Amino acid sequence: MIELIDVHKSFGKKHVLKGVNLRVEKGESMVIIGGSGTGKSVLLKCILGLVRPEKGRILLDGQDAIRPSDRDAFLARFGMLFQGGALFDSLPVWQNVAFRLLRGALKRPREEARRIAIDKLARVGLGADTADLYPAELSGGMQKRVGLARAIAAEPEIIFFDEPTTGLDPILAGVINRLIRGIVEEMGATAVTITHDMTSVRAIADRVAMLHDGVIQWVGPVSQLDNSGNPYVDQFVHGREEGPIEALR
C-alpha cells in the first residue's frame, strides 16, 4: 500500500531522513518506533505531502504520492489521529467528527453527516449525548476518542496514529489501544502508528520498524521485538542506557 524508497529530508543543516526505505502492506498495522526527534512525524508528513523530500520516491498503491495527479482524492484516502487531539474548540463534538463530511470532496448533507458522526462516536464508546458538547467539556480520554472517531468518519483506507496514547493514564491508554486495534481490523484499513510507548506497540502492531539516525534500522514482526538481534531495537525496547543510541545517555 505504501512504499518509501531512499527518502531524504533536511531542514537547513539538520538532516532528518537520510535514506528511508520501508514497505507497508495493504491491511497491516505498522508501528514505527524511535526516540524523540528521530523523524517519525516528519516521515508521516512526507507521505501526506505536508513536506516534500529532497530525494527519493514515495508510492501509494504503486502511484506517485509526492506529486499525486488529484491531491484531494489522494488525501481522501487517509484518516489521522493527531497527538494532541487537534479538536476545534469552537465546534461541537459532532461537527469535529464530521469535519471532512461537511466540506470539500467528501461533503454530505448536514443531517447525514451528523448521523455518521453519532455512529462513529458510538463505535469509540461515546453516547449521542456527547455530540452537542464542546471539546472543553470533555476529559482528555474522551477528547482522544473524539479524535479517533473523526479519523474513521470518512471510512479511510489508511489511518495514521501519531502518539495515540500520549498524556493518558495506563488504563485509558489500554482502552485506546484496544479501540485502535479493533477498528483497524473491522475496517480492513492499513494503519501506520508512530509511538515510543512499548505497550501500544505490542497492542497495535503487526510489524514494527525502528527509525534511528535517519534510516530504518530494523523491520520485523512484533513477535520478534524482544529478540530482534538488532542492537538499536534491543536498547530501545529494554530502555538500556548502554548501546548505540547515544541520545539516551
Protein backbone atom coordinates (compact mmCIF):
# COMPACT_ATOMS: atom_id res chain seq x y z
CA MET A 1 0.00 0.00 0.00
CA ILE A 2 2.80 2.43 0.93
CA GLU A 3 6.40 2.27 -0.18
CA LEU A 4 9.23 4.66 0.64
CA ILE A 5 12.40 4.36 -1.42
CA ASP A 6 15.59 6.18 -0.35
CA VAL A 7 13.66 9.13 1.12
CA HIS A 8 15.75 12.09 2.30
CA LYS A 9 14.52 15.19 4.12
CA SER A 10 16.53 18.03 5.65
CA PHE A 11 15.70 21.31 7.35
CA GLY A 12 18.63 23.58 6.69
CA LYS A 13 21.71 21.78 8.00
CA LYS A 14 19.60 19.35 10.01
CA HIS A 15 19.41 16.05 8.13
CA VAL A 16 16.35 14.24 9.47
CA LEU A 17 15.70 11.45 6.97
CA LYS A 18 18.84 10.07 5.36
CA GLY A 19 17.56 7.36 3.06
CA VAL A 20 14.43 5.74 4.47
CA ASN A 21 13.29 2.51 2.85
CA LEU A 22 10.04 0.98 4.08
CA ARG A 23 7.10 -1.03 2.77
CA VAL A 24 3.69 -1.09 4.46
CA GLU A 25 1.47 -3.86 3.14
CA LYS A 26 -2.23 -3.40 2.49
CA GLY A 27 -4.31 -4.12 5.58
CA GLU A 28 -1.41 -4.39 8.00
CA SER A 29 -0.74 -2.37 11.14
CA MET A 30 2.79 -0.97 11.01
CA VAL A 31 4.22 0.76 14.07
CA ILE A 32 7.28 2.98 13.73
CA ILE A 33 9.32 3.35 16.91
CA GLY A 34 12.24 5.59 17.74
CA GLY A 35 13.31 8.27 20.16
CA SER A 36 12.00 11.83 20.23
CA GLY A 37 13.34 13.93 17.38
CA THR A 38 14.30 10.97 15.18
CA GLY A 39 11.97 11.98 12.33
CA LYS A 40 8.91 9.82 12.88
CA SER A 41 6.44 12.68 12.44
CA VAL A 42 8.43 14.06 9.50
CA LEU A 43 8.08 10.67 7.84
CA LEU A 44 4.29 10.83 8.10
CA LYS A 45 4.27 14.40 6.82
CA CYS A 46 6.31 13.33 3.79
CA ILE A 47 3.80 10.60 2.96
CA LEU A 48 0.91 13.06 3.26
CA GLY A 49 2.71 15.69 1.21
CA LEU A 50 2.82 18.25 4.02
CA VAL A 51 6.57 18.42 3.48
CA ARG A 52 8.38 17.36 0.32
CA PRO A 53 11.52 15.23 0.47
CA GLU A 54 14.60 16.40 -1.42
CA LYS A 55 15.31 12.91 -2.70
CA GLY A 56 13.61 9.55 -3.02
CA ARG A 57 10.22 8.15 -4.00
CA ILE A 58 7.00 7.60 -2.09
CA LEU A 59 4.41 5.34 -3.68
CA LEU A 60 0.79 4.74 -2.75
CA ASP A 61 -0.58 1.65 -4.45
CA GLY A 62 2.30 1.98 -6.88
CA GLN A 63 1.41 5.57 -7.79
CA ASP A 64 3.48 8.68 -7.08
CA ALA A 65 2.45 10.11 -3.69
CA ILE A 66 4.79 13.09 -3.78
CA ARG A 67 3.04 14.65 -6.76
CA PRO A 68 -0.38 12.98 -6.98
CA SER A 69 -2.47 13.86 -10.04
CA ASP A 70 -5.51 14.62 -7.84
CA ARG A 71 -4.43 15.79 -4.40
CA ASP A 72 -7.96 15.98 -2.96
CA ALA A 73 -8.67 12.39 -3.96
CA PHE A 74 -5.27 11.38 -2.60
CA LEU A 75 -5.89 12.92 0.82
CA ALA A 76 -9.42 11.49 0.96
CA ARG A 77 -7.84 8.05 1.32
CA PHE A 78 -6.28 8.98 4.68
CA GLY A 79 -7.51 9.40 8.24
CA MET A 80 -5.39 10.89 11.01
CA LEU A 81 -5.40 10.77 14.79
CA PHE A 82 -3.23 13.66 15.94
CA GLN A 83 -1.02 13.52 19.01
CA GLY A 84 -2.65 16.47 20.76
CA GLY A 85 -6.18 15.69 19.62
CA ALA A 86 -6.31 18.82 17.43
CA LEU A 87 -10.02 19.31 18.01
CA PHE A 88 -11.61 22.60 17.04
CA ASP A 89 -12.64 24.32 20.28
CA SER A 90 -15.35 26.41 18.59
CA LEU A 91 -17.17 23.41 17.09
CA PRO A 92 -19.36 20.90 18.92
CA VAL A 93 -18.18 17.32 19.08
CA TRP A 94 -20.30 16.04 16.19
CA GLN A 95 -19.01 18.75 13.84
CA ASN A 96 -15.44 17.88 14.84
CA VAL A 97 -16.08 14.23 13.98
CA ALA A 98 -17.86 15.11 10.72
CA PHE A 99 -15.45 17.88 9.76
CA ARG A 100 -14.47 16.31 6.44
CA LEU A 101 -18.06 15.31 5.71
CA LEU A 102 -19.29 18.90 5.93
CA ARG A 103 -16.98 20.33 3.28
CA GLY A 104 -14.85 19.56 0.25
CA ALA A 105 -14.87 16.49 -1.94
CA LEU A 106 -16.43 14.29 0.77
CA LYS A 107 -19.28 16.69 1.58
CA ARG A 108 -22.53 15.08 2.73
CA PRO A 109 -25.90 16.59 3.67
CA ARG A 110 -25.74 18.01 7.18
CA GLU A 111 -28.25 15.54 8.62
CA GLU A 112 -26.36 12.58 7.16
CA ALA A 113 -23.03 13.93 8.43
CA ARG A 114 -24.46 14.23 11.95
CA ARG A 115 -25.83 10.69 11.82
CA ILE A 116 -22.46 9.33 10.71
CA ALA A 117 -20.73 11.30 13.47
CA ILE A 118 -23.02 9.84 16.13
CA ASP A 119 -22.45 6.34 14.74
CA LYS A 120 -18.67 6.80 14.92
CA LEU A 121 -18.90 8.24 18.44
CA ALA A 122 -20.77 5.10 19.46
CA ARG A 123 -18.01 2.97 17.91
CA VAL A 124 -15.46 4.58 20.24
CA GLY A 125 -17.70 4.24 23.28
CA LEU A 126 -19.25 7.72 23.43
CA GLY A 127 -23.01 8.24 23.61
CA ALA A 128 -25.14 10.53 21.48
CA ASP A 129 -25.35 12.91 24.45
CA THR A 130 -21.74 13.95 23.78
CA ALA A 131 -22.48 15.07 20.21
CA ASP A 132 -23.51 18.61 21.14
CA LEU A 133 -20.88 19.16 23.81
CA TYR A 134 -17.74 21.16 23.11
CA PRO A 135 -14.19 19.77 23.45
CA ALA A 136 -13.55 21.83 26.60
CA GLU A 137 -16.38 19.93 28.29
CA LEU A 138 -14.67 16.57 27.73
CA SER A 139 -11.94 14.77 29.64
CA GLY A 140 -8.61 14.06 27.96
CA GLY A 141 -9.60 10.45 27.31
CA MET A 142 -12.91 11.48 25.78
CA GLN A 143 -11.15 14.02 23.55
CA LYS A 144 -8.85 11.28 22.32
CA ARG A 145 -11.87 9.12 21.48
CA VAL A 146 -13.45 12.01 19.57
CA GLY A 147 -10.22 12.36 17.61
CA LEU A 148 -10.35 8.65 16.81
CA ALA A 149 -13.98 8.93 15.71
CA ARG A 150 -13.00 11.79 13.40
CA ALA A 151 -10.13 9.75 11.96
CA ILE A 152 -12.52 6.99 10.86
CA ALA A 153 -15.57 9.11 9.97
CA ALA A 154 -14.89 9.10 6.23
CA GLU A 155 -14.03 5.35 6.12
CA PRO A 156 -10.41 5.92 5.05
CA GLU A 157 -8.25 3.21 3.51
CA ILE A 158 -5.20 4.32 5.50
CA ILE A 159 -5.11 5.67 9.06
CA PHE A 160 -2.15 7.38 10.72
CA PHE A 161 -1.90 7.44 14.52
CA ASP A 162 0.57 9.97 15.94
CA GLU A 163 1.48 9.02 19.54
CA PRO A 164 -2.12 7.89 20.24
CA THR A 165 -1.72 7.37 23.99
CA THR A 166 0.33 10.45 24.91
CA GLY A 167 -0.96 12.08 28.09
CA LEU A 168 -3.26 9.21 29.04
CA ASP A 169 -3.04 7.08 32.16
CA PRO A 170 -2.30 3.36 31.67
CA ILE A 171 -5.95 2.31 31.89
CA LEU A 172 -7.16 4.86 29.33
CA ALA A 173 -4.16 4.09 27.14
CA GLY A 174 -5.17 0.44 27.15
CA VAL A 175 -8.71 1.37 26.13
CA ILE A 176 -7.43 3.49 23.21
CA ASN A 177 -5.05 0.73 22.11
CA ARG A 178 -7.87 -1.83 22.04
CA LEU A 179 -10.13 0.56 20.15
CA ILE A 180 -7.45 1.24 17.54
CA ARG A 181 -6.70 -2.44 17.03
CA GLY A 182 -10.37 -3.36 16.80
CA ILE A 183 -11.28 -0.55 14.43
CA VAL A 184 -8.36 -1.23 12.09
CA GLU A 185 -9.30 -4.90 11.88
CA GLU A 186 -13.00 -4.16 11.33
CA MET A 187 -12.33 -1.62 8.59
CA GLY A 188 -9.60 -3.64 6.92
CA ALA A 189 -7.59 -0.41 6.90
CA THR A 190 -3.86 -0.02 6.55
CA ALA A 191 -2.52 1.59 9.73
CA VAL A 192 0.73 3.40 10.47
CA THR A 193 1.36 4.37 14.09
CA ILE A 194 4.29 6.30 15.49
CA THR A 195 4.99 5.89 19.17
CA HIS A 196 7.63 5.26 21.79
CA ASP A 197 5.11 3.57 24.12
CA MET A 198 6.05 -0.09 24.03
CA THR A 199 2.69 -1.16 25.48
CA SER A 200 0.99 0.46 22.48
CA VAL A 201 3.44 -1.22 20.12
CA ARG A 202 2.61 -4.67 21.44
CA ALA A 203 -1.13 -4.00 21.39
CA ILE A 204 -1.38 -2.42 17.93
CA ALA A 205 1.40 -3.72 15.70
CA ASP A 206 1.56 -6.49 13.15
CA ARG A 207 5.04 -5.35 12.19
CA VAL A 208 7.45 -2.85 13.74
CA ALA A 209 10.04 -0.57 12.14
CA MET A 210 12.84 1.10 14.10
CA LEU A 211 13.82 4.59 12.87
CA HIS A 212 17.10 5.98 14.11
CA ASP A 213 19.73 8.31 12.67
CA GLY A 214 17.58 8.98 9.62
CA VAL A 215 17.21 5.40 8.42
CA ILE A 216 15.14 2.31 9.21
CA GLN A 217 17.43 0.17 11.33
CA TRP A 218 15.15 -2.87 11.57
CA VAL A 219 11.76 -4.14 10.40
CA GLY A 220 10.12 -7.27 11.70
CA PRO A 221 7.01 -8.84 13.20
CA VAL A 222 6.03 -7.67 16.66
CA SER A 223 6.60 -11.22 17.92
CA GLN A 224 10.34 -10.76 17.30
CA LEU A 225 10.59 -7.39 19.06
CA ASP A 226 12.18 -8.75 22.22
CA ASN A 227 14.62 -10.95 20.32
CA SER A 228 15.33 -8.90 17.21
CA GLY A 229 19.09 -9.34 17.28
CA ASN A 230 19.37 -5.64 16.43
CA PRO A 231 21.31 -3.52 18.96
CA TYR A 232 19.22 -0.38 18.33
CA VAL A 233 15.94 -2.19 18.86
CA ASP A 234 17.30 -4.10 21.85
CA GLN A 235 18.47 -0.92 23.61
CA PHE A 236 15.26 0.98 22.86
CA VAL A 237 12.81 -1.76 23.76
CA HIS A 238 14.51 -2.59 27.04
CA GLY A 239 15.37 1.01 27.95
CA ARG A 240 19.05 0.33 28.37
CA GLU A 241 21.48 3.19 28.91
CA GLU A 242 24.34 1.43 27.16
CA GLY A 243 24.14 0.87 23.43
CA PRO A 244 24.43 2.54 20.04
CA ILE A 245 21.71 5.16 20.74
CA GLU A 246 23.71 7.98 22.30
CA ALA A 247 20.68 10.26 22.74
CA LEU A 248 19.53 8.12 25.68
CA ARG A 249 22.67 8.81 27.68
